[in-house]
Amino acid sequence: MPVNRNALIRYKTIDTCLRNRYRQWTLEDLIDACSDALYEFEGIDKGICKRTVQMDIQMMRSEKLGYNAPIVVYDNKFYKYDDSDYSITNTPLSEQDLKVMSEAVEVLRQFKGFSYFTGMTDIVSRLEDHVTSTRKKTVPVIDFEKNENLKGLEYLDAIYHAIVSKQTLLLKYRSFKARSASEVVFYPYLLKEYRNRWFVFGVMKKDKSLRNLALDRIHSLEPAINERFLENTFFNPATFFDDLVGVTKGLNSQTEKVRFWASRGEAPYIQTKPVHKTQQLMEWLVDGSAVFEINVVINQELQREFFGYADGVQILEPQHLVEFMKQKLEKAATAYNTVIRVDERKS
């Protein structure tokens, strides 16, 4: 049975309300919540009638959508889930749902050859694999890299909507160097994923400086209702990462030419999996090693990328990066030549 977008928004809103056991929900409360959600997501400001929400509740209780939601009324006034662990988001996909998803995958597959679709190829493959494994009850044959224990993912949706609706945020954030979390007013502009960690780029109110905050360092988040949003005039998200490996970049950072040698064992790997999109092969040497060149901002992510190759890569220029890598590697070699007694280091 087809369900329109507005109805899905209402079902999801009712589900969110009834999962909140710390509040009692009347029919009027649910009507208000659904009206607010439709205004936020669809810009519909005419509200909804009592009859619509009553029909929504009956639909959620029924088998028509496969929800069978255990919605009960107590004290002749308040609504709740009889099962505190229930949520419509945990409902298994029906055969009809899977059929529709399969058709959607087939449509999306037709666009794989177009340039604007390049970034979505893995998403289609992931969806296709999930639908197939669910229908056939088999083990998925594609395993995408993921970190299920990563903290901060619960803030993704809220930050996304804050960016879209240009909503200032009030965060409690603790950097790795800080002893405790501090409260900051933050204007969010862009969400960015890098190696299974999520970052939000934006500006702090206190110093108007561009920052990237790791979501796993956020302790709490809420809209700063009384803080006017500051428009993004600080960076262009479409080009900001063109000369970057990772996410660390200051506004005054300069692009530099980095030339490096790769050993015979590492050169073929680096040639097929470039360190950066600007990478160029400068020379193949007679022993099978090679010299490459990239034009990037030198940051900690780039340095760690090179450290990962250990003795398989040697920086040739610029000189300040050569000295930095040399000092770090010498320090690492000293550490490995020193016996570390862990028990003596315990406080």
C-alpha atoms as a PDB file:
ATOM      1  CA  MET A   1       0.000   0.000   0.000  1.00  0.00           C
ATOM      2  CA  PRO A   2       1.631   3.272  -1.108  1.00  0.00           C
ATOM      3  CA  VAL A   3       2.256   5.847   1.614  1.00  0.00           C
ATOM      4  CA  ASN A   4       2.976   9.491   0.843  1.00  0.00           C
ATOM      5  CA  ARG A   5       5.831  11.471   2.330  1.00  0.00           C
ATOM      6  CA  ASN A   6       3.671  13.534   4.686  1.00  0.00           C
ATOM      7  CA  ALA A   7       2.097  10.418   6.179  1.00  0.00           C
ATOM      8  CA  LEU A   8       5.547   8.901   6.760  1.00  0.00           C
ATOM      9  CA  ILE A   9       6.631  12.068   8.545  1.00  0.00           C
ATOM     10  CA  ARG A  10       3.577  11.839  10.797  1.00  0.00           C
ATOM     11  CA  TYR A  11       4.142   8.129  11.541  1.00  0.00           C
ATOM     12  CA  LYS A  12       7.787   8.778  12.406  1.00  0.00           C
ATOM     13  CA  THR A  13       6.810  11.734  14.610  1.00  0.00           C
ATOM     14  CA  ILE A  14       4.178   9.757  16.497  1.00  0.00           C
ATOM     15  CA  ASP A  15       6.685   6.934  16.924  1.00  0.00           C
ATOM     16  CA  THR A  16       9.292   9.332  18.339  1.00  0.00           C
ATOM     17  CA  CYS A  17       6.757  10.774  20.777  1.00  0.00           C
ATOM     18  CA  LEU A  18       5.504   7.432  22.059  1.00  0.00           C
ATOM     19  CA  ARG A  19       9.049   6.170  22.554  1.00  0.00           C
ATOM     20  CA  ASN A  20       9.610   9.045  24.980  1.00  0.00           C
ATOM     21  CA  ARG A  21       8.449   7.492  28.250  1.00  0.00           C
ATOM     22  CA  TYR A  22       9.256  10.599  30.275  1.00  0.00           C
ATOM     23  CA  ARG A  23       6.220  12.467  29.025  1.00  0.00           C
ATOM     24  CA  GLN A  24       2.503  11.765  28.825  1.00  0.00           C
ATOM     25  CA  TRP A  25       1.081  12.207  25.334  1.00  0.00           C
ATOM     26  CA  THR A  26      -2.473  13.336  24.693  1.00  0.00           C
ATOM     27  CA  LEU A  27      -4.021  13.317  21.223  1.00  0.00           C
ATOM     28  CA  GLU A  28      -3.629  17.110  21.130  1.00  0.00           C
ATOM     29  CA  ASP A  29       0.093  16.745  21.933  1.00  0.00           C
ATOM     30  CA  LEU A  30       0.541  14.324  19.041  1.00  0.00           C
ATOM     31  CA  ILE A  31      -1.354  16.665  16.701  1.00  0.00           C
ATOM     32  CA  ASP A  32       0.946  19.551  17.689  1.00  0.00           C
ATOM     33  CA  ALA A  33       4.074  17.422  17.249  1.00  0.00           C
ATOM     34  CA  CYS A  34       2.989  16.249  13.787  1.00  0.00           C
ATOM     35  CA  SER A  35       2.103  19.807  12.756  1.00  0.00           C
ATOM     36  CA  ASP A  36       5.536  21.036  13.885  1.00  0.00           C
ATOM     37  CA  ALA A  37       7.279  18.211  11.998  1.00  0.00           C
ATOM     38  CA  LEU A  38       5.396  18.913   8.770  1.00  0.00           C
ATOM     39  CA  TYR A  39       6.286  22.590   9.051  1.00  0.00           C
ATOM     40  CA  GLU A  40       9.950  21.827   9.727  1.00  0.00           C
ATOM     41  CA  PHE A  41      10.450  19.266   6.956  1.00  0.00           C
ATOM     42  CA  GLU A  42       7.898  20.309   4.331  1.00  0.00           C
ATOM     43  CA  GLY A  43       7.077  23.940   5.122  1.00  0.00           C
ATOM     44  CA  ILE A  44       3.386  23.075   5.629  1.00  0.00           C
ATOM     45  CA  ASP A  45       1.982  25.606   8.088  1.00  0.00           C
ATOM     46  CA  LYS A  46      -1.752  24.924   7.911  1.00  0.00           C
ATOM     47  CA  GLY A  47      -1.565  22.224  10.577  1.00  0.00           C
ATOM     48  CA  ILE A  48      -3.471  18.941  10.588  1.00  0.00           C
ATOM     49  CA  CYS A  49      -6.832  17.903  11.911  1.00  0.00           C
ATOM     50  CA  LYS A  50      -7.681  15.575  14.785  1.00  0.00           C
ATOM     51  CA  ARG A  51      -9.175  13.016  12.406  1.00  0.00           C
ATOM     52  CA  THR A  52      -5.899  12.690  10.468  1.00  0.00           C
ATOM     53  CA  VAL A  53      -3.845  11.754  13.532  1.00  0.00           C
ATOM     54  CA  GLN A  54      -6.552   9.345  14.739  1.00  0.00           C
ATOM     55  CA  MET A  55      -6.409   7.598  11.355  1.00  0.00           C
ATOM     56  CA  ASP A  56      -2.611   7.560  11.525  1.00  0.00           C
ATOM     57  CA  ILE A  57      -2.741   5.791  14.891  1.00  0.00           C
ATOM     58  CA  GLN A  58      -5.207   3.222  13.517  1.00  0.00           C
ATOM     59  CA  MET A  59      -2.972   2.654  10.490  1.00  0.00           C
ATOM     60  CA  MET A  60       0.081   2.150  12.718  1.00  0.00           C
ATOM     61  CA  ARG A  61      -1.874  -0.337  14.850  1.00  0.00           C
ATOM     62  CA  SER A  62      -2.952  -2.342  11.798  1.00  0.00           C
ATOM     63  CA  GLU A  63      -1.120  -4.861   9.633  1.00  0.00           C
ATOM     64  CA  LYS A  64      -1.487  -2.800   6.451  1.00  0.00           C
ATOM     65  CA  LEU A  65       2.010  -1.338   6.739  1.00  0.00           C
ATOM     66  CA  GLY A  66       3.385  -4.208   8.788  1.00  0.00           C
ATOM     67  CA  TYR A  67       3.781  -2.049  11.908  1.00  0.00           C
ATOM     68  CA  ASN A  68       1.261  -3.717  14.267  1.00  0.00           C
ATOM     69  CA  ALA A  69       2.170  -0.960  16.705  1.00  0.00           C
ATOM     70  CA  PRO A  70       1.101  -1.739  20.311  1.00  0.00           C
ATOM     71  CA  ILE A  71      -0.423   1.719  20.899  1.00  0.00           C
ATOM     72  CA  VAL A  72      -2.679   1.819  23.961  1.00  0.00           C
ATOM     73  CA  VAL A  73      -4.666   4.521  25.742  1.00  0.00           C
ATOM     74  CA  TYR A  74      -4.488   4.817  29.525  1.00  0.00           C
ATOM     75  CA  ASP A  75      -6.438   6.994  31.946  1.00  0.00           C
ATOM     76  CA  ASN A  76      -8.813   7.530  28.982  1.00  0.00           C
ATOM     77  CA  LYS A  77      -6.520  10.286  27.777  1.00  0.00           C
ATOM     78  CA  PHE A  78      -2.866   9.414  27.259  1.00  0.00           C
ATOM     79  CA  TYR A  79      -1.218   7.367  24.475  1.00  0.00           C
ATOM     80  CA  LYS A  80       1.835   5.135  24.793  1.00  0.00           C
ATOM     81  CA  TYR A  81       3.454   1.959  23.479  1.00  0.00           C
ATOM     82  CA  ASP A  82       2.485  -1.053  25.559  1.00  0.00           C
ATOM     83  CA  ASP A  83       5.940  -2.458  24.750  1.00  0.00           C
ATOM     84  CA  SER A  84       8.591   0.041  25.851  1.00  0.00           C
ATOM     85  CA  ASP A  85      11.127  -1.406  23.382  1.00  0.00           C
ATOM     86  CA  TYR A  86       8.867  -1.092  20.348  1.00  0.00           C
ATOM     87  CA  SER A  87       9.554   1.255  17.437  1.00  0.00           C
ATOM     88  CA  ILE A  88       8.297   1.245  13.862  1.00  0.00           C
ATOM     89  CA  THR A  89      11.927   1.650  12.809  1.00  0.00           C
ATOM     90  CA  ASN A  90      12.589  -1.879  14.082  1.00  0.00           C
ATOM     91  CA  THR A  91       9.849  -3.383  11.931  1.00  0.00           C
ATOM     92  CA  PRO A  92      11.154  -5.919   9.371  1.00  0.00           C
ATOM     93  CA  LEU A  93      10.734  -4.953   5.741  1.00  0.00           C
ATOM     94  CA  SER A  94       7.659  -6.451   4.101  1.00  0.00           C
ATOM     95  CA  GLU A  95       7.766  -8.268   0.765  1.00  0.00           C
ATOM     96  CA  GLN A  96       6.109  -5.229  -0.822  1.00  0.00           C
ATOM     97  CA  ASP A  97       8.775  -2.936   0.686  1.00  0.00           C
ATOM     98  CA  LEU A  98      11.523  -5.154  -0.675  1.00  0.00           C
ATOM     99  CA  LYS A  99       9.877  -5.225  -4.102  1.00  0.00           C
ATOM    100  CA  VAL A 100       9.731  -1.421  -4.193  1.00  0.00           C
ATOM    101  CA  MET A 101      13.353  -1.165  -3.014  1.00  0.00           C
ATOM    102  CA  SER A 102      14.443  -3.656  -5.666  1.00  0.00           C
ATOM    103  CA  GLU A 103      12.737  -1.565  -8.341  1.00  0.00           C
ATOM    104  CA  ALA A 104      14.437   1.555  -6.962  1.00  0.00           C
ATOM    105  CA  VAL A 105      17.834  -0.154  -7.122  1.00  0.00           C
ATOM    106  CA  GLU A 106      17.221  -1.108 -10.759  1.00  0.00           C
ATOM    107  CA  VAL A 107      16.388   2.504 -11.589  1.00  0.00           C
ATOM    108  CA  LEU A 108      19.483   3.823  -9.784  1.00  0.00           C
ATOM    109  CA  ARG A 109      21.724   1.279 -11.544  1.00  0.00           C
ATOM    110  CA  GLN A 110      20.867   2.895 -14.881  1.00  0.00           C
ATOM    111  CA  PHE A 111      22.643   6.101 -13.821  1.00  0.00           C
ATOM    112  CA  LYS A 112      25.972   4.568 -12.803  1.00  0.00           C
ATOM    113  CA  GLY A 113      27.695   5.754 -15.955  1.00  0.00           C
ATOM    114  CA  PHE A 114      26.886   9.431 -15.438  1.00  0.00           C
ATOM    115  CA  SER A 115      29.505  11.726 -13.900  1.00  0.00           C
ATOM    116  CA  TYR A 116      27.141  13.279 -11.348  1.00  0.00           C
ATOM    117  CA  PHE A 117      26.365   9.810 -10.023  1.00  0.00           C
ATOM    118  CA  THR A 118      29.975   8.827  -9.280  1.00  0.00           C
ATOM    119  CA  GLY A 119      29.812   9.468  -5.540  1.00  0.00           C
ATOM    120  CA  MET A 120      26.684   7.311  -5.129  1.00  0.00           C
ATOM    121  CA  THR A 121      27.975   4.088  -6.673  1.00  0.00           C
ATOM    122  CA  ASP A 122      28.861   2.503  -3.326  1.00  0.00           C
ATOM    123  CA  ILE A 123      25.482   3.519  -1.885  1.00  0.00           C
ATOM    124  CA  VAL A 124      23.622   1.725  -4.679  1.00  0.00           C
ATOM    125  CA  SER A 125      25.814  -1.356  -4.262  1.00  0.00           C
ATOM    126  CA  ARG A 126      25.192  -1.336  -0.527  1.00  0.00           C
ATOM    127  CA  LEU A 127      21.427  -0.981  -0.976  1.00  0.00           C
ATOM    128  CA  GLU A 128      21.358  -3.676  -3.648  1.00  0.00           C
ATOM    129  CA  ASP A 129      23.281  -6.089  -1.439  1.00  0.00           C
ATOM    130  CA  HIS A 130      21.046  -5.370   1.567  1.00  0.00           C
ATOM    131  CA  VAL A 131      17.834  -5.924  -0.414  1.00  0.00           C
ATOM    132  CA  THR A 132      19.130  -9.156  -1.944  1.00  0.00           C
ATOM    133  CA  SER A 133      20.339 -10.606   1.349  1.00  0.00           C
ATOM    134  CA  THR A 134      17.085  -9.653   3.095  1.00  0.00           C
ATOM    135  CA  ARG A 135      14.839 -11.205   0.440  1.00  0.00           C
ATOM    136  CA  LYS A 136      16.850 -14.401   0.169  1.00  0.00           C
ATOM    137  CA  LYS A 137      17.751 -14.474   3.882  1.00  0.00           C
ATOM    138  CA  THR A 138      21.406 -14.921   2.963  1.00  0.00           C
ATOM    139  CA  VAL A 139      24.619 -13.422   4.302  1.00  0.00           C
ATOM    140  CA  PRO A 140      25.534 -10.137   2.530  1.00  0.00           C
ATOM    141  CA  VAL A 141      28.299 -10.542  -0.047  1.00  0.00           C
ATOM    142  CA  ILE A 142      29.553  -6.960   0.300  1.00  0.00           C
ATOM    143  CA  ASP A 143      31.111  -5.814   3.560  1.00  0.00           C
ATOM    144  CA  PHE A 144      31.627  -2.051   3.725  1.00  0.00           C
ATOM    145  CA  GLU A 145      34.050  -0.507   6.167  1.00  0.00           C
ATOM    146  CA  LYS A 146      32.254   0.702   9.264  1.00  0.00           C
ATOM    147  CA  ASN A 147      32.773   1.462  12.922  1.00  0.00           C
ATOM    148  CA  GLU A 148      29.651   0.455  14.824  1.00  0.00           C
ATOM    149  CA  ASN A 149      31.103   1.579  18.168  1.00  0.00           C
ATOM    150  CA  LEU A 150      31.821   5.119  17.002  1.00  0.00           C
ATOM    151  CA  LYS A 151      30.367   7.755  19.302  1.00  0.00           C
ATOM    152  CA  GLY A 152      28.561  10.861  18.129  1.00  0.00           C
ATOM    153  CA  LEU A 153      26.565   9.323  15.285  1.00  0.00           C
ATOM    154  CA  GLU A 154      23.364  10.165  17.145  1.00  0.00           C
ATOM    155  CA  TYR A 155      24.080  13.837  16.398  1.00  0.00           C
ATOM    156  CA  LEU A 156      24.324  13.386  12.615  1.00  0.00           C
ATOM    157  CA  ASP A 157      20.655  13.954  11.851  1.00  0.00           C
ATOM    158  CA  ALA A 158      20.320  16.966  14.154  1.00  0.00           C
ATOM    159  CA  ILE A 159      23.422  18.633  12.684  1.00  0.00           C
ATOM    160  CA  TYR A 160      22.287  17.889   9.135  1.00  0.00           C
ATOM    161  CA  HIS A 161      18.938  19.578   9.724  1.00  0.00           C
ATOM    162  CA  ALA A 162      20.644  22.485  11.494  1.00  0.00           C
ATOM    163  CA  ILE A 163      22.817  23.075   8.410  1.00  0.00           C
ATOM    164  CA  VAL A 164      19.869  22.844   6.019  1.00  0.00           C
ATOM    165  CA  SER A 165      17.635  25.111   8.119  1.00  0.00           C
ATOM    166  CA  LYS A 166      20.512  27.470   9.065  1.00  0.00           C
ATOM    167  CA  GLN A 167      20.074  26.905  12.775  1.00  0.00           C
ATOM    168  CA  THR A 168      22.737  27.993  15.270  1.00  0.00           C
ATOM    169  CA  LEU A 169      23.772  25.242  17.701  1.00  0.00           C
ATOM    170  CA  LEU A 170      24.743  25.218  21.358  1.00  0.00           C
ATOM    171  CA  LEU A 171      27.340  22.487  21.915  1.00  0.00           C
ATOM    172  CA  LYS A 172      29.185  20.989  24.817  1.00  0.00           C
ATOM    173  CA  TYR A 173      32.452  19.962  23.214  1.00  0.00           C
ATOM    174  CA  ARG A 174      35.662  18.497  24.564  1.00  0.00           C
ATOM    175  CA  SER A 175      38.741  18.409  22.376  1.00  0.00           C
ATOM    176  CA  PHE A 176      41.401  15.758  22.920  1.00  0.00           C
ATOM    177  CA  LYS A 177      43.609  18.306  24.678  1.00  0.00           C
ATOM    178  CA  ALA A 178      40.934  19.720  26.984  1.00  0.00           C
ATOM    179  CA  ARG A 179      40.373  18.388  30.500  1.00  0.00           C
ATOM    180  CA  SER A 180      36.638  19.004  30.398  1.00  0.00           C
ATOM    181  CA  ALA A 181      33.876  19.908  27.954  1.00  0.00           C
ATOM    182  CA  SER A 182      33.116  23.563  27.324  1.00  0.00           C
ATOM    183  CA  GLU A 183      29.922  25.162  26.032  1.00  0.00           C
ATOM    184  CA  VAL A 184      30.203  26.889  22.657  1.00  0.00           C
ATOM    185  CA  VAL A 185      27.877  28.617  20.211  1.00  0.00           C
ATOM    186  CA  PHE A 186      28.513  27.138  16.782  1.00  0.00           C
ATOM    187  CA  TYR A 187      27.349  27.916  13.241  1.00  0.00           C
ATOM    188  CA  PRO A 188      27.404  24.614  11.259  1.00  0.00           C
ATOM    189  CA  TYR A 189      28.049  24.619   7.491  1.00  0.00           C
ATOM    190  CA  LEU A 190      29.197  21.166   6.359  1.00  0.00           C
ATOM    191  CA  LEU A 191      29.308  17.527   7.467  1.00  0.00           C
ATOM    192  CA  LYS A 192      32.369  15.569   6.363  1.00  0.00           C
ATOM    193  CA  GLU A 193      33.298  11.900   6.779  1.00  0.00           C
ATOM    194  CA  TYR A 194      36.945  10.818   6.875  1.00  0.00           C
ATOM    195  CA  ARG A 195      38.016   7.282   7.684  1.00  0.00           C
ATOM    196  CA  ASN A 196      34.790   6.368   9.462  1.00  0.00           C
ATOM    197  CA  ARG A 197      34.803   9.495  11.626  1.00  0.00           C
ATOM    198  CA  TRP A 198      32.391  12.360  11.127  1.00  0.00           C
ATOM    199  CA  PHE A 199      33.283  16.035  11.398  1.00  0.00           C
ATOM    200  CA  VAL A 200      31.216  19.184  11.208  1.00  0.00           C
ATOM    201  CA  PHE A 201      32.787  22.302   9.722  1.00  0.00           C
ATOM    202  CA  GLY A 202      31.595  25.644  10.968  1.00  0.00           C
ATOM    203  CA  VAL A 203      32.452  28.774  12.908  1.00  0.00           C
ATOM    204  CA  MET A 204      32.663  29.502  16.633  1.00  0.00           C
ATOM    205  CA  LYS A 205      30.793  32.594  17.726  1.00  0.00           C
ATOM    206  CA  LYS A 206      33.529  33.687  20.141  1.00  0.00           C
ATOM    207  CA  ASP A 207      36.303  34.152  17.596  1.00  0.00           C
ATOM    208  CA  LYS A 208      34.633  33.734  14.174  1.00  0.00           C
ATOM    209  CA  SER A 209      37.208  31.110  13.236  1.00  0.00           C
ATOM    210  CA  LEU A 210      36.579  28.134  10.967  1.00  0.00           C
ATOM    211  CA  ARG A 211      36.728  24.860  12.913  1.00  0.00           C
ATOM    212  CA  ASN A 212      36.174  21.195  12.251  1.00  0.00           C
ATOM    213  CA  LEU A 213      34.661  19.417  15.239  1.00  0.00           C
ATOM    214  CA  ALA A 214      34.693  15.644  15.590  1.00  0.00           C
ATOM    215  CA  LEU A 215      31.210  14.349  16.366  1.00  0.00           C
ATOM    216  CA  ASP A 216      32.629  11.771  18.787  1.00  0.00           C
ATOM    217  CA  ARG A 217      33.877  14.645  20.979  1.00  0.00           C
ATOM    218  CA  ILE A 218      30.459  16.270  21.307  1.00  0.00           C
ATOM    219  CA  HIS A 219      28.885  15.733  24.737  1.00  0.00           C
ATOM    220  CA  SER A 220      25.537  17.414  24.061  1.00  0.00           C
ATOM    221  CA  LEU A 221      23.802  19.436  21.378  1.00  0.00           C
ATOM    222  CA  GLU A 222      20.720  21.626  21.172  1.00  0.00           C
ATOM    223  CA  PRO A 223      19.421  24.489  19.017  1.00  0.00           C
ATOM    224  CA  ALA A 224      20.537  27.954  20.144  1.00  0.00           C
ATOM    225  CA  ILE A 225      17.088  29.445  19.651  1.00  0.00           C
ATOM    226  CA  ASN A 226      17.997  33.050  20.434  1.00  0.00           C
ATOM    227  CA  GLU A 227      21.251  33.116  18.441  1.00  0.00           C
ATOM    228  CA  ARG A 228      20.987  34.493  14.924  1.00  0.00           C
ATOM    229  CA  PHE A 229      22.667  32.275  12.320  1.00  0.00           C
ATOM    230  CA  LEU A 230      25.876  33.538  10.721  1.00  0.00           C
ATOM    231  CA  GLU A 231      25.970  32.881   6.972  1.00  0.00           C
ATOM    232  CA  ASN A 232      28.968  31.042   5.557  1.00  0.00           C
ATOM    233  CA  THR A 233      31.405  33.501   3.990  1.00  0.00           C
ATOM    234  CA  PHE A 234      34.458  31.651   5.309  1.00  0.00           C
ATOM    235  CA  PHE A 235      35.042  28.812   2.845  1.00  0.00           C
ATOM    236  CA  ASN A 236      33.676  27.142  -0.268  1.00  0.00           C
ATOM    237  CA  PRO A 237      32.731  23.518   0.548  1.00  0.00           C
ATOM    238  CA  ALA A 238      32.897  22.600  -3.152  1.00  0.00           C
ATOM    239  CA  THR A 239      36.620  23.405  -3.421  1.00  0.00           C
ATOM    240  CA  PHE A 240      37.881  23.457   0.169  1.00  0.00           C
ATOM    241  CA  PHE A 241      39.162  19.855   0.087  1.00  0.00           C
ATOM    242  CA  ASP A 242      40.726  19.945  -3.387  1.00  0.00           C
ATOM    243  CA  ASP A 243      44.266  20.314  -2.014  1.00  0.00           C
ATOM    244  CA  LEU A 244      43.727  18.316   1.162  1.00  0.00           C
ATOM    245  CA  VAL A 245      44.254  14.847   2.553  1.00  0.00           C
ATOM    246  CA  GLY A 246      41.896  14.463   5.507  1.00  0.00           C
ATOM    247  CA  VAL A 247      40.069  17.316   7.214  1.00  0.00           C
ATOM    248  CA  THR A 248      42.678  19.601   8.823  1.00  0.00           C
ATOM    249  CA  LYS A 249      43.222  22.934   7.080  1.00  0.00           C
ATOM    250  CA  GLY A 250      43.624  26.502   8.224  1.00  0.00           C
ATOM    251  CA  LEU A 251      42.245  29.384   6.187  1.00  0.00           C
ATOM    252  CA  ASN A 252      45.786  30.633   5.524  1.00  0.00           C
ATOM    253  CA  SER A 253      47.244  27.219   4.684  1.00  0.00           C
ATOM    254  CA  GLN A 254      49.299  27.147   1.502  1.00  0.00           C
ATOM    255  CA  THR A 255      49.468  24.378  -1.078  1.00  0.00           C
ATOM    256  CA  GLU A 256      52.974  22.929  -1.428  1.00  0.00           C
ATOM    257  CA  LYS A 257      54.664  20.572  -3.856  1.00  0.00           C
ATOM    258  CA  VAL A 258      55.544  17.332  -2.088  1.00  0.00           C
ATOM    259  CA  ARG A 259      57.932  15.021  -3.923  1.00  0.00           C
ATOM    260  CA  PHE A 260      58.562  11.550  -2.523  1.00  0.00           C
ATOM    261  CA  TRP A 261      60.296   8.298  -3.384  1.00  0.00           C
ATOM    262  CA  ALA A 262      58.500   4.950  -3.089  1.00  0.00           C
ATOM    263  CA  SER A 263      60.261   1.613  -2.858  1.00  0.00           C
ATOM    264  CA  ARG A 264      59.873  -1.179  -5.400  1.00  0.00           C
ATOM    265  CA  GLY A 265      57.391  -2.892  -3.095  1.00  0.00           C
ATOM    266  CA  GLU A 266      55.244   0.196  -2.445  1.00  0.00           C
ATOM    267  CA  ALA A 267      55.439   2.019  -5.801  1.00  0.00           C
ATOM    268  CA  PRO A 268      52.872  -0.114  -7.700  1.00  0.00           C
ATOM    269  CA  TYR A 269      50.427   0.176  -4.785  1.00  0.00           C
ATOM    270  CA  ILE A 270      50.827   3.948  -4.556  1.00  0.00           C
ATOM    271  CA  GLN A 271      50.465   4.301  -8.312  1.00  0.00           C
ATOM    272  CA  THR A 272      47.085   2.486  -8.275  1.00  0.00           C
ATOM    273  CA  LYS A 273      45.927   4.064  -4.991  1.00  0.00           C
ATOM    274  CA  PRO A 274      47.210   7.655  -5.081  1.00  0.00           C
ATOM    275  CA  VAL A 275      47.980   9.542  -1.895  1.00  0.00           C
ATOM    276  CA  HIS A 276      46.086  12.504  -3.396  1.00  0.00           C
ATOM    277  CA  LYS A 277      44.196  13.190  -6.615  1.00  0.00           C
ATOM    278  CA  THR A 278      46.974  15.553  -7.825  1.00  0.00           C
ATOM    279  CA  GLN A 279      49.531  12.728  -7.684  1.00  0.00           C
ATOM    280  CA  GLN A 280      51.796  12.424 -10.716  1.00  0.00           C
ATOM    281  CA  LEU A 281      54.381   9.769 -11.522  1.00  0.00           C
ATOM    282  CA  MET A 282      57.610  11.670 -12.151  1.00  0.00           C
ATOM    283  CA  GLU A 283      60.023   8.815 -12.785  1.00  0.00           C
ATOM    284  CA  TRP A 284      60.365   5.029 -12.698  1.00  0.00           C
ATOM    285  CA  LEU A 285      63.851   4.048 -11.494  1.00  0.00           C
ATOM    286  CA  VAL A 286      65.843   1.060 -12.728  1.00  0.00           C
ATOM    287  CA  ASP A 287      65.404  -0.858  -9.448  1.00  0.00           C
ATOM    288  CA  GLY A 288      61.604  -0.716  -9.737  1.00  0.00           C
ATOM    289  CA  SER A 289      61.134   2.159  -7.293  1.00  0.00           C
ATOM    290  CA  ALA A 290      59.506   5.429  -8.343  1.00  0.00           C
ATOM    291  CA  VAL A 291      59.296   9.138  -7.629  1.00  0.00           C
ATOM    292  CA  PHE A 292      55.887  10.791  -7.246  1.00  0.00           C
ATOM    293  CA  GLU A 293      54.711  14.348  -6.752  1.00  0.00           C
ATOM    294  CA  ILE A 294      51.556  15.829  -5.222  1.00  0.00           C
ATOM    295  CA  ASN A 295      50.351  19.389  -4.586  1.00  0.00           C
ATOM    296  CA  VAL A 296      48.696  19.574  -1.178  1.00  0.00           C
ATOM    297  CA  VAL A 297      48.380  21.361   2.127  1.00  0.00           C
ATOM    298  CA  ILE A 298      50.741  19.630   4.542  1.00  0.00           C
ATOM    299  CA  ASN A 299      48.748  18.563   7.585  1.00  0.00           C
ATOM    300  CA  GLN A 300      48.762  15.817  10.213  1.00  0.00           C
ATOM    301  CA  GLU A 301      46.642  13.464   8.101  1.00  0.00           C
ATOM    302  CA  LEU A 302      49.141  13.636   5.230  1.00  0.00           C
ATOM    303  CA  GLN A 303      52.026  13.051   7.629  1.00  0.00           C
ATOM    304  CA  ARG A 304      50.283  10.001   9.101  1.00  0.00           C
ATOM    305  CA  GLU A 305      49.631   8.706   5.591  1.00  0.00           C
ATOM    306  CA  PHE A 306      53.367   8.759   4.893  1.00  0.00           C
ATOM    307  CA  PHE A 307      54.234   7.268   8.297  1.00  0.00           C
ATOM    308  CA  GLY A 308      52.030   4.319   7.387  1.00  0.00           C
ATOM    309  CA  TYR A 309      54.514   3.300   4.697  1.00  0.00           C
ATOM    310  CA  ALA A 310      57.421   3.294   7.200  1.00  0.00           C
ATOM    311  CA  ASP A 311      60.640   2.665   5.237  1.00  0.00           C
ATOM    312  CA  GLY A 312      58.757   2.213   1.956  1.00  0.00           C
ATOM    313  CA  VAL A 313      58.504   5.957   1.349  1.00  0.00           C
ATOM    314  CA  GLN A 314      61.028   8.777   1.660  1.00  0.00           C
ATOM    315  CA  ILE A 315      60.119  12.454   1.393  1.00  0.00           C
ATOM    316  CA  LEU A 316      62.415  14.346  -0.981  1.00  0.00           C
ATOM    317  CA  GLU A 317      60.924  17.832  -0.672  1.00  0.00           C
ATOM    318  CA  PRO A 318      59.983  20.274   0.809  1.00  0.00           C
ATOM    319  CA  GLN A 319      62.837  20.333   3.282  1.00  0.00           C
ATOM    320  CA  HIS A 320      60.746  21.207   6.351  1.00  0.00           C
ATOM    321  CA  LEU A 321      58.662  18.053   5.817  1.00  0.00           C
ATOM    322  CA  VAL A 322      61.859  16.016   5.305  1.00  0.00           C
ATOM    323  CA  GLU A 323      63.161  17.245   8.686  1.00  0.00           C
ATOM    324  CA  PHE A 324      59.851  16.601  10.419  1.00  0.00           C
ATOM    325  CA  MET A 325      59.610  13.026   9.128  1.00  0.00           C
ATOM    326  CA  LYS A 326      63.259  12.376   9.979  1.00  0.00           C
ATOM    327  CA  GLN A 327      62.866  13.567  13.583  1.00  0.00           C
ATOM    328  CA  LYS A 328      59.710  11.549  14.127  1.00  0.00           C
ATOM    329  CA  LEU A 329      61.163   8.360  12.660  1.00  0.00           C
ATOM    330  CA  GLU A 330      64.374   8.738  14.673  1.00  0.00           C
ATOM    331  CA  LYS A 331      62.281   9.188  17.816  1.00  0.00           C
ATOM    332  CA  ALA A 332      60.268   6.087  16.922  1.00  0.00           C
ATOM    333  CA  ALA A 333      63.447   4.060  16.350  1.00  0.00           C
ATOM    334  CA  THR A 334      64.756   5.177  19.750  1.00  0.00           C
ATOM    335  CA  ALA A 335      61.506   4.126  21.375  1.00  0.00           C
ATOM    336  CA  TYR A 336      61.733   0.644  19.844  1.00  0.00           C
ATOM    337  CA  ASN A 337      65.314   0.320  21.072  1.00  0.00           C
ATOM    338  CA  THR A 338      64.232   1.144  24.616  1.00  0.00           C
ATOM    339  CA  VAL A 339      62.673  -1.396  26.927  1.00  0.00           C
ATOM    340  CA  ILE A 340      59.386   0.041  28.159  1.00  0.00           C
ATOM    341  CA  ARG A 341      58.267  -1.260  31.525  1.00  0.00           C
ATOM    342  CA  VAL A 342      54.516  -0.742  31.520  1.00  0.00           C
ATOM    343  CA  ASP A 343      54.098  -1.441  35.232  1.00  0.00           C
ATOM    344  CA  GLU A 344      56.454   1.416  36.101  1.00  0.00           C
ATOM    345  CA  ARG A 345      54.342   3.843  34.032  1.00  0.00           C
ATOM    346  CA  LYS A 346      51.097   3.107  35.817  1.00  0.00           C
ATOM    347  CA  SER A 347      49.975   5.826  38.199  1.00  0.00           C
END
